[in-house]
């Protein structure tokens, strides 16, 4: 399930966005099992859920940027149909 999906089995987590002075909040929806894992890691590291999610993003963002965009996929499909 994608972040932002509103599913009865999903739970919300509020996370800060941006710098420490920027305290805007955003609701993120995680499957219950994933949220439990995040909570366990937060407790183990004595950190907030927000800190865990922010660190995970910083670690994963380079890999995520390598994923093809929807536009890239659509262009590939259009080229295949023309061939």
PDB file of N, CA and C in Angstrom:
ATOM      1  N   UNK A   1       0.842  -1.173   0.000  1.00  0.00           N
ATOM      2  CA  UNK A   1       0.000   0.000   0.000  1.00  0.00           C
ATOM      3  C   UNK A   1       0.886   1.235   0.000  1.00  0.00           C
ATOM      4  N   UNK A   2       0.556   2.218  -0.785  1.00  0.00           N
ATOM      5  CA  UNK A   2       1.358   3.427  -0.910  1.00  0.00           C
ATOM      6  C   UNK A   2       1.080   4.364   0.250  1.00  0.00           C
ATOM      7  N   UNK A   3       2.086   5.183   0.549  1.00  0.00           N
ATOM      8  CA  UNK A   3       1.886   6.214   1.553  1.00  0.00           C
ATOM      9  C   UNK A   3       0.791   7.128   1.041  1.00  0.00           C
ATOM     10  N   UNK A   4      -0.150   7.457   1.909  1.00  0.00           N
ATOM     11  CA  UNK A   4      -1.244   8.324   1.512  1.00  0.00           C
ATOM     12  C   UNK A   4      -2.526   7.553   1.255  1.00  0.00           C
ATOM     13  N   UNK A   5      -2.425   6.233   1.021  1.00  0.00           N
ATOM     14  CA  UNK A   5      -3.630   5.431   0.859  1.00  0.00           C
ATOM     15  C   UNK A   5      -4.394   5.437   2.171  1.00  0.00           C
ATOM     16  N   UNK A   6      -5.674   5.575   2.067  1.00  0.00           N
ATOM     17  CA  UNK A   6      -6.504   5.577   3.275  1.00  0.00           C
ATOM     18  C   UNK A   6      -7.196   4.224   3.359  1.00  0.00           C
ATOM     19  N   UNK A   7      -6.627   3.356   4.136  1.00  0.00           N
ATOM     20  CA  UNK A   7      -7.118   1.997   4.275  1.00  0.00           C
ATOM     21  C   UNK A   7      -7.505   1.798   5.731  1.00  0.00           C
ATOM     22  N   UNK A   8      -8.542   1.028   5.987  1.00  0.00           N
ATOM     23  CA  UNK A   8      -8.952   0.782   7.367  1.00  0.00           C
ATOM     24  C   UNK A   8      -7.850   0.131   8.176  1.00  0.00           C
ATOM     25  N   UNK A   9      -6.964  -0.612   7.532  1.00  0.00           N
ATOM     26  CA  UNK A   9      -5.883  -1.289   8.241  1.00  0.00           C
ATOM     27  C   UNK A   9      -4.650  -0.411   8.411  1.00  0.00           C
ATOM     28  N   UNK A  10      -4.667   0.786   7.858  1.00  0.00           N
ATOM     29  CA  UNK A  10      -3.495   1.671   7.937  1.00  0.00           C
ATOM     30  C   UNK A  10      -3.614   2.571   9.158  1.00  0.00           C
ATOM     31  N   UNK A  11      -2.480   2.977   9.669  1.00  0.00           N
ATOM     32  CA  UNK A  11      -2.418   3.897  10.807  1.00  0.00           C
ATOM     33  C   UNK A  11      -1.702   5.168  10.363  1.00  0.00           C
ATOM     34  N   UNK A  12      -2.015   6.277  10.999  1.00  0.00           N
ATOM     35  CA  UNK A  12      -1.412   7.555  10.622  1.00  0.00           C
ATOM     36  C   UNK A  12      -0.240   7.874  11.529  1.00  0.00           C
ATOM     37  N   UNK A  13       0.765   8.501  10.943  1.00  0.00           N
ATOM     38  CA  UNK A  13       1.924   8.988  11.680  1.00  0.00           C
ATOM     39  C   UNK A  13       2.167  10.419  11.226  1.00  0.00           C
ATOM     40  N   UNK A  14       2.298  11.336  12.141  1.00  0.00           N
ATOM     41  CA  UNK A  14       2.611  12.716  11.771  1.00  0.00           C
ATOM     42  C   UNK A  14       4.118  12.877  11.784  1.00  0.00           C
ATOM     43  N   UNK A  15       4.667  13.476  10.728  1.00  0.00           N
ATOM     44  CA  UNK A  15       6.107  13.672  10.637  1.00  0.00           C
ATOM     45  C   UNK A  15       6.395  15.108  10.240  1.00  0.00           C
ATOM     46  N   UNK A  16       7.444  15.676  10.800  1.00  0.00           N
ATOM     47  CA  UNK A  16       7.856  17.024  10.424  1.00  0.00           C
ATOM     48  C   UNK A  16       8.470  16.990   9.053  1.00  0.00           C
ATOM     49  N   UNK A  17       8.340  18.089   8.331  1.00  0.00           N
ATOM     50  CA  UNK A  17       8.923  18.223   7.008  1.00  0.00           C
ATOM     51  C   UNK A  17       9.944  19.337   7.071  1.00  0.00           C
ATOM     52  N   UNK A  18      11.084  19.170   6.394  1.00  0.00           N
ATOM     53  CA  UNK A  18      12.050  20.241   6.273  1.00  0.00           C
ATOM     54  C   UNK A  18      12.944  20.406   7.482  1.00  0.00           C
ATOM     55  N   UNK A  19      13.413  21.632   7.689  1.00  0.00           N
ATOM     56  CA  UNK A  19      14.362  21.920   8.753  1.00  0.00           C
ATOM     57  C   UNK A  19      13.688  21.916  10.117  1.00  0.00           C
ATOM     58  N   UNK A  20      14.515  22.029  11.161  1.00  0.00           N
ATOM     59  CA  UNK A  20      13.973  22.021  12.524  1.00  0.00           C
ATOM     60  C   UNK A  20      13.033  23.197  12.761  1.00  0.00           C
ATOM     61  N   UNK A  21      13.270  24.330  12.109  1.00  0.00           N
ATOM     62  CA  UNK A  21      12.411  25.486  12.303  1.00  0.00           C
ATOM     63  C   UNK A  21      11.090  25.348  11.544  1.00  0.00           C
ATOM     64  N   UNK A  22      11.042  24.461  10.593  1.00  0.00           N
ATOM     65  CA  UNK A  22       9.837  24.244   9.794  1.00  0.00           C
ATOM     66  C   UNK A  22       9.070  23.077  10.393  1.00  0.00           C
ATOM     67  N   UNK A  23       8.019  23.379  11.134  1.00  0.00           N
ATOM     68  CA  UNK A  23       7.299  22.345  11.885  1.00  0.00           C
ATOM     69  C   UNK A  23       5.962  21.970  11.254  1.00  0.00           C
ATOM     70  N   UNK A  24       5.844  22.091   9.924  1.00  0.00           N
ATOM     71  CA  UNK A  24       4.608  21.660   9.275  1.00  0.00           C
ATOM     72  C   UNK A  24       4.432  20.170   9.499  1.00  0.00           C
ATOM     73  N   UNK A  25       3.202  19.743   9.616  1.00  0.00           N
ATOM     74  CA  UNK A  25       2.930  18.325   9.839  1.00  0.00           C
ATOM     75  C   UNK A  25       2.229  17.739   8.628  1.00  0.00           C
ATOM     76  N   UNK A  26       2.509  16.469   8.389  1.00  0.00           N
ATOM     77  CA  UNK A  26       1.905  15.743   7.280  1.00  0.00           C
ATOM     78  C   UNK A  26       1.499  14.378   7.814  1.00  0.00           C
ATOM     79  N   UNK A  27       0.317  13.935   7.506  1.00  0.00           N
ATOM     80  CA  UNK A  27      -0.108  12.595   7.907  1.00  0.00           C
ATOM     81  C   UNK A  27       0.366  11.594   6.874  1.00  0.00           C
ATOM     82  N   UNK A  28       1.011  10.564   7.346  1.00  0.00           N
ATOM     83  CA  UNK A  28       1.458   9.472   6.486  1.00  0.00           C
ATOM     84  C   UNK A  28       0.759   8.213   6.958  1.00  0.00           C
ATOM     85  N   UNK A  29       0.327   7.397   6.021  1.00  0.00           N
ATOM     86  CA  UNK A  29      -0.409   6.185   6.358  1.00  0.00           C
ATOM     87  C   UNK A  29       0.453   4.972   6.043  1.00  0.00           C
ATOM     88  N   UNK A  30       0.637   4.120   7.053  1.00  0.00           N
ATOM     89  CA  UNK A  30       1.453   2.923   6.920  1.00  0.00           C
ATOM     90  C   UNK A  30       0.601   1.695   7.235  1.00  0.00           C
ATOM     91  N   UNK A  31       0.912   0.576   6.593  1.00  0.00           N
ATOM     92  CA  UNK A  31       0.261  -0.670   7.009  1.00  0.00           C
ATOM     93  C   UNK A  31       0.610  -0.926   8.482  1.00  0.00           C
ATOM     94  N   UNK A  32      -0.298  -1.554   9.180  1.00  0.00           N
ATOM     95  CA  UNK A  32      -0.126  -1.742  10.622  1.00  0.00           C
ATOM     96  C   UNK A  32       1.184  -2.445  10.974  1.00  0.00           C
ATOM     97  N   UNK A  33       1.553  -3.483  10.209  1.00  0.00           N
ATOM     98  CA  UNK A  33       2.795  -4.208  10.499  1.00  0.00           C
ATOM     99  C   UNK A  33       4.017  -3.306  10.352  1.00  0.00           C
ATOM    100  N   UNK A  34       4.022  -2.488   9.311  1.00  0.00           N
ATOM    101  CA  UNK A  34       5.139  -1.583   9.081  1.00  0.00           C
ATOM    102  C   UNK A  34       5.231  -0.548  10.206  1.00  0.00           C
ATOM    103  N   UNK A  35       4.087  -0.018  10.615  1.00  0.00           N
ATOM    104  CA  UNK A  35       4.067   0.950  11.697  1.00  0.00           C
ATOM    105  C   UNK A  35       4.606   0.334  12.983  1.00  0.00           C
ATOM    106  N   UNK A  36       4.243  -0.909  13.252  1.00  0.00           N
ATOM    107  CA  UNK A  36       4.764  -1.588  14.452  1.00  0.00           C
ATOM    108  C   UNK A  36       6.283  -1.715  14.389  1.00  0.00           C
ATOM    109  N   UNK A  37       6.826  -2.052  13.218  1.00  0.00           N
ATOM    110  CA  UNK A  37       8.281  -2.142  13.061  1.00  0.00           C
ATOM    111  C   UNK A  37       8.935  -0.785  13.308  1.00  0.00           C
ATOM    112  N   UNK A  38       8.328   0.264  12.777  1.00  0.00           N
ATOM    113  CA  UNK A  38       8.867   1.612  12.966  1.00  0.00           C
ATOM    114  C   UNK A  38       8.852   1.967  14.450  1.00  0.00           C
ATOM    115  N   UNK A  39       7.751   1.653  15.123  1.00  0.00           N
ATOM    116  CA  UNK A  39       7.649   1.921  16.560  1.00  0.00           C
ATOM    117  C   UNK A  39       8.713   1.164  17.342  1.00  0.00           C
ATOM    118  N   UNK A  40       8.938  -0.104  16.989  1.00  0.00           N
ATOM    119  CA  UNK A  40       9.949  -0.913  17.679  1.00  0.00           C
ATOM    120  C   UNK A  40      11.344  -0.322  17.494  1.00  0.00           C
ATOM    121  N   UNK A  41      11.652   0.102  16.280  1.00  0.00           N
ATOM    122  CA  UNK A  41      12.961   0.708  16.025  1.00  0.00           C
ATOM    123  C   UNK A  41      13.089   2.046  16.752  1.00  0.00           C
ATOM    124  N   UNK A  42      12.017   2.818  16.789  1.00  0.00           N
ATOM    125  CA  UNK A  42      12.042   4.090  17.511  1.00  0.00           C
ATOM    126  C   UNK A  42      12.324   3.855  18.997  1.00  0.00           C
ATOM    127  N   UNK A  43      11.680   2.845  19.564  1.00  0.00           N
ATOM    128  CA  UNK A  43      11.915   2.525  20.977  1.00  0.00           C
ATOM    129  C   UNK A  43      13.346   2.031  21.189  1.00  0.00           C
ATOM    130  N   UNK A  44      13.815   1.170  20.290  1.00  0.00           N
ATOM    131  CA  UNK A  44      15.172   0.622  20.414  1.00  0.00           C
ATOM    132  C   UNK A  44      16.218   1.726  20.357  1.00  0.00           C
ATOM    133  N   UNK A  45      15.997   2.694  19.470  1.00  0.00           N
ATOM    134  CA  UNK A  45      16.955   3.785  19.294  1.00  0.00           C
ATOM    135  C   UNK A  45      16.665   4.994  20.180  1.00  0.00           C
ATOM    136  N   UNK A  46      15.577   4.907  20.952  1.00  0.00           N
ATOM    137  CA  UNK A  46      15.141   6.005  21.811  1.00  0.00           C
ATOM    138  C   UNK A  46      14.971   7.288  20.994  1.00  0.00           C
ATOM    139  N   UNK A  47      14.255   7.164  19.870  1.00  0.00           N
ATOM    140  CA  UNK A  47      14.000   8.275  18.955  1.00  0.00           C
ATOM    141  C   UNK A  47      12.508   8.348  18.654  1.00  0.00           C
ATOM    142  N   UNK A  48      12.083   9.458  18.096  1.00  0.00           N
ATOM    143  CA  UNK A  48      10.671   9.618  17.735  1.00  0.00           C
ATOM    144  C   UNK A  48      10.375   8.892  16.424  1.00  0.00           C
ATOM    145  N   UNK A  49       9.078   8.637  16.189  1.00  0.00           N
ATOM    146  CA  UNK A  49       8.661   8.048  14.919  1.00  0.00           C
ATOM    147  C   UNK A  49       9.063   8.968  13.766  1.00  0.00           C
ATOM    148  N   UNK A  50       8.894  10.264  13.973  1.00  0.00           N
ATOM    149  CA  UNK A  50       9.249  11.232  12.948  1.00  0.00           C
ATOM    150  C   UNK A  50      10.733  11.133  12.592  1.00  0.00           C
ATOM    151  N   UNK A  51      11.582  11.006  13.590  1.00  0.00           N
ATOM    152  CA  UNK A  51      13.027  10.901  13.350  1.00  0.00           C
ATOM    153  C   UNK A  51      13.341   9.653  12.531  1.00  0.00           C
ATOM    154  N   UNK A  52      12.715   8.540  12.869  1.00  0.00           N
ATOM    155  CA  UNK A  52      12.950   7.277  12.148  1.00  0.00           C
ATOM    156  C   UNK A  52      12.557   7.435  10.676  1.00  0.00           C
ATOM    157  N   UNK A  53      11.380   7.993  10.418  1.00  0.00           N
ATOM    158  CA  UNK A  53      10.901   8.150   9.039  1.00  0.00           C
ATOM    159  C   UNK A  53      11.804   9.120   8.269  1.00  0.00           C
ATOM    160  N   UNK A  54      12.216  10.207   8.899  1.00  0.00           N
ATOM    161  CA  UNK A  54      13.105  11.159   8.234  1.00  0.00           C
ATOM    162  C   UNK A  54      14.457  10.525   7.899  1.00  0.00           C
ATOM    163  N   UNK A  55      15.015   9.754   8.811  1.00  0.00           N
ATOM    164  CA  UNK A  55      16.291   9.074   8.548  1.00  0.00           C
ATOM    165  C   UNK A  55      16.132   8.041   7.439  1.00  0.00           C
ATOM    166  N   UNK A  56      15.028   7.306   7.453  1.00  0.00           N
ATOM    167  CA  UNK A  56      14.779   6.307   6.412  1.00  0.00           C
ATOM    168  C   UNK A  56      14.714   6.982   5.045  1.00  0.00           C
ATOM    169  N   UNK A  57      14.058   8.130   4.974  1.00  0.00           N
ATOM    170  CA  UNK A  57      13.985   8.862   3.707  1.00  0.00           C
ATOM    171  C   UNK A  57      15.374   9.291   3.257  1.00  0.00           C
ATOM    172  N   UNK A  58      16.163   9.856   4.162  1.00  0.00           N
ATOM    173  CA  UNK A  58      17.503  10.313   3.796  1.00  0.00           C
ATOM    174  C   UNK A  58      18.364   9.159   3.280  1.00  0.00           C
ATOM    175  N   UNK A  59      18.209   7.995   3.865  1.00  0.00           N
ATOM    176  CA  UNK A  59      18.982   6.821   3.443  1.00  0.00           C
ATOM    177  C   UNK A  59      18.483   6.297   2.098  1.00  0.00           C
ATOM    178  N   UNK A  60      17.169   6.307   1.889  1.00  0.00           N
ATOM    179  CA  UNK A  60      16.574   5.658   0.711  1.00  0.00           C
ATOM    180  C   UNK A  60      16.394   6.576  -0.488  1.00  0.00           C
ATOM    181  N   UNK A  61      16.497   7.885  -0.329  1.00  0.00           N
ATOM    182  CA  UNK A  61      16.103   8.782  -1.413  1.00  0.00           C
ATOM    183  C   UNK A  61      16.912   8.625  -2.690  1.00  0.00           C
ATOM    184  N   UNK A  62      18.194   8.313  -2.597  1.00  0.00           N
ATOM    185  CA  UNK A  62      19.001   8.117  -3.809  1.00  0.00           C
ATOM    186  C   UNK A  62      18.469   6.923  -4.599  1.00  0.00           C
ATOM    187  N   UNK A  63      18.161   5.853  -3.896  1.00  0.00           N
ATOM    188  CA  UNK A  63      17.616   4.668  -4.559  1.00  0.00           C
ATOM    189  C   UNK A  63      16.234   4.952  -5.150  1.00  0.00           C
ATOM    190  N   UNK A  64      15.417   5.678  -4.433  1.00  0.00           N
ATOM    191  CA  UNK A  64      14.076   6.005  -4.907  1.00  0.00           C
ATOM    192  C   UNK A  64      14.142   6.867  -6.167  1.00  0.00           C
ATOM    193  N   UNK A  65      15.107   7.791  -6.220  1.00  0.00           N
ATOM    194  CA  UNK A  65      15.245   8.646  -7.403  1.00  0.00           C
ATOM    195  C   UNK A  65      15.639   7.851  -8.644  1.00  0.00           C
ATOM    196  N   UNK A  66      16.192   6.667  -8.468  1.00  0.00           N
ATOM    197  CA  UNK A  66      16.552   5.810  -9.603  1.00  0.00           C
ATOM    198  C   UNK A  66      15.333   5.123 -10.220  1.00  0.00           C
ATOM    199  N   UNK A  67      14.212   5.079  -9.509  1.00  0.00           N
ATOM    200  CA  UNK A  67      13.010   4.422 -10.019  1.00  0.00           C
ATOM    201  C   UNK A  67      12.462   5.208 -11.200  1.00  0.00           C
ATOM    202  N   UNK A  68      11.946   4.520 -12.215  1.00  0.00           N
ATOM    203  CA  UNK A  68      11.389   5.242 -13.367  1.00  0.00           C
ATOM    204  C   UNK A  68      10.108   5.977 -12.966  1.00  0.00           C
ATOM    205  N   UNK A  69       9.912   7.141 -13.572  1.00  0.00           N
ATOM    206  CA  UNK A  69       8.682   7.885 -13.305  1.00  0.00           C
ATOM    207  C   UNK A  69       7.548   7.277 -14.128  1.00  0.00           C
ATOM    208  N   UNK A  70       6.341   7.648 -13.819  1.00  0.00           N
ATOM    209  CA  UNK A  70       5.182   7.176 -14.572  1.00  0.00           C
ATOM    210  C   UNK A  70       5.315   7.594 -16.030  1.00  0.00           C
ATOM    211  N   UNK A  71       5.798   8.811 -16.262  1.00  0.00           N
ATOM    212  CA  UNK A  71       5.986   9.291 -17.630  1.00  0.00           C
ATOM    213  C   UNK A  71       6.971   8.413 -18.397  1.00  0.00           C
ATOM    214  N   UNK A  72       8.053   7.977 -17.737  1.00  0.00           N
ATOM    215  CA  UNK A  72       9.026   7.100 -18.389  1.00  0.00           C
ATOM    216  C   UNK A  72       8.378   5.785 -18.801  1.00  0.00           C
ATOM    217  N   UNK A  73       7.556   5.241 -17.946  1.00  0.00           N
ATOM    218  CA  UNK A  73       6.890   3.965 -18.221  1.00  0.00           C
ATOM    219  C   UNK A  73       5.910   4.126 -19.383  1.00  0.00           C
ATOM    220  N   UNK A  74       5.141   5.226 -19.371  1.00  0.00           N
ATOM    221  CA  UNK A  74       4.178   5.475 -20.449  1.00  0.00           C
ATOM    222  C   UNK A  74       4.886   5.666 -21.787  1.00  0.00           C
ATOM    223  N   UNK A  75       6.021   6.373 -21.789  1.00  0.00           N
ATOM    224  CA  UNK A  75       6.786   6.568 -23.026  1.00  0.00           C
ATOM    225  C   UNK A  75       7.280   5.232 -23.568  1.00  0.00           C
ATOM    226  N   UNK A  76       7.770   4.351 -22.673  1.00  0.00           N
ATOM    227  CA  UNK A  76       8.239   3.029 -23.097  1.00  0.00           C
ATOM    228  C   UNK A  76       7.101   2.233 -23.726  1.00  0.00           C
ATOM    229  N   UNK A  77       5.913   2.279 -23.120  1.00  0.00           N
ATOM    230  CA  UNK A  77       4.755   1.547 -23.643  1.00  0.00           C
ATOM    231  C   UNK A  77       4.345   2.086 -25.009  1.00  0.00           C
ATOM    232  N   UNK A  78       4.385   3.417 -25.169  1.00  0.00           N
ATOM    233  CA  UNK A  78       4.023   4.025 -26.448  1.00  0.00           C
ATOM    234  C   UNK A  78       5.014   3.615 -27.538  1.00  0.00           C
ATOM    235  N   UNK A  79       6.298   3.567 -27.208  1.00  0.00           N
ATOM    236  CA  UNK A  79       7.319   3.174 -28.174  1.00  0.00           C
ATOM    237  C   UNK A  79       7.144   1.703 -28.566  1.00  0.00           C
ATOM    238  N   UNK A  80       6.782   0.858 -27.615  1.00  0.00           N
ATOM    239  CA  UNK A  80       6.552  -0.566 -27.906  1.00  0.00           C
ATOM    240  C   UNK A  80       5.358  -0.741 -28.834  1.00  0.00           C
ATOM    241  N   UNK A  81       4.314   0.057 -28.641  1.00  0.00           N
ATOM    242  CA  UNK A  81       3.114  -0.047 -29.469  1.00  0.00           C
ATOM    243  C   UNK A  81       3.386   0.409 -30.896  1.00  0.00           C
ATOM    244  N   UNK A  82       4.283   1.364 -31.070  1.00  0.00           N
ATOM    245  CA  UNK A  82       4.632   1.862 -32.407  1.00  0.00           C
ATOM    246  C   UNK A  82       5.476   0.870 -33.185  1.00  0.00           C
ATOM    247  N   UNK A  83       6.234   0.052 -32.472  1.00  0.00           N
ATOM    248  CA  UNK A  83       7.159  -0.881 -33.140  1.00  0.00           C
ATOM    249  C   UNK A  83       6.442  -2.060 -33.772  1.00  0.00           C
TER     250      UNK A  83
END
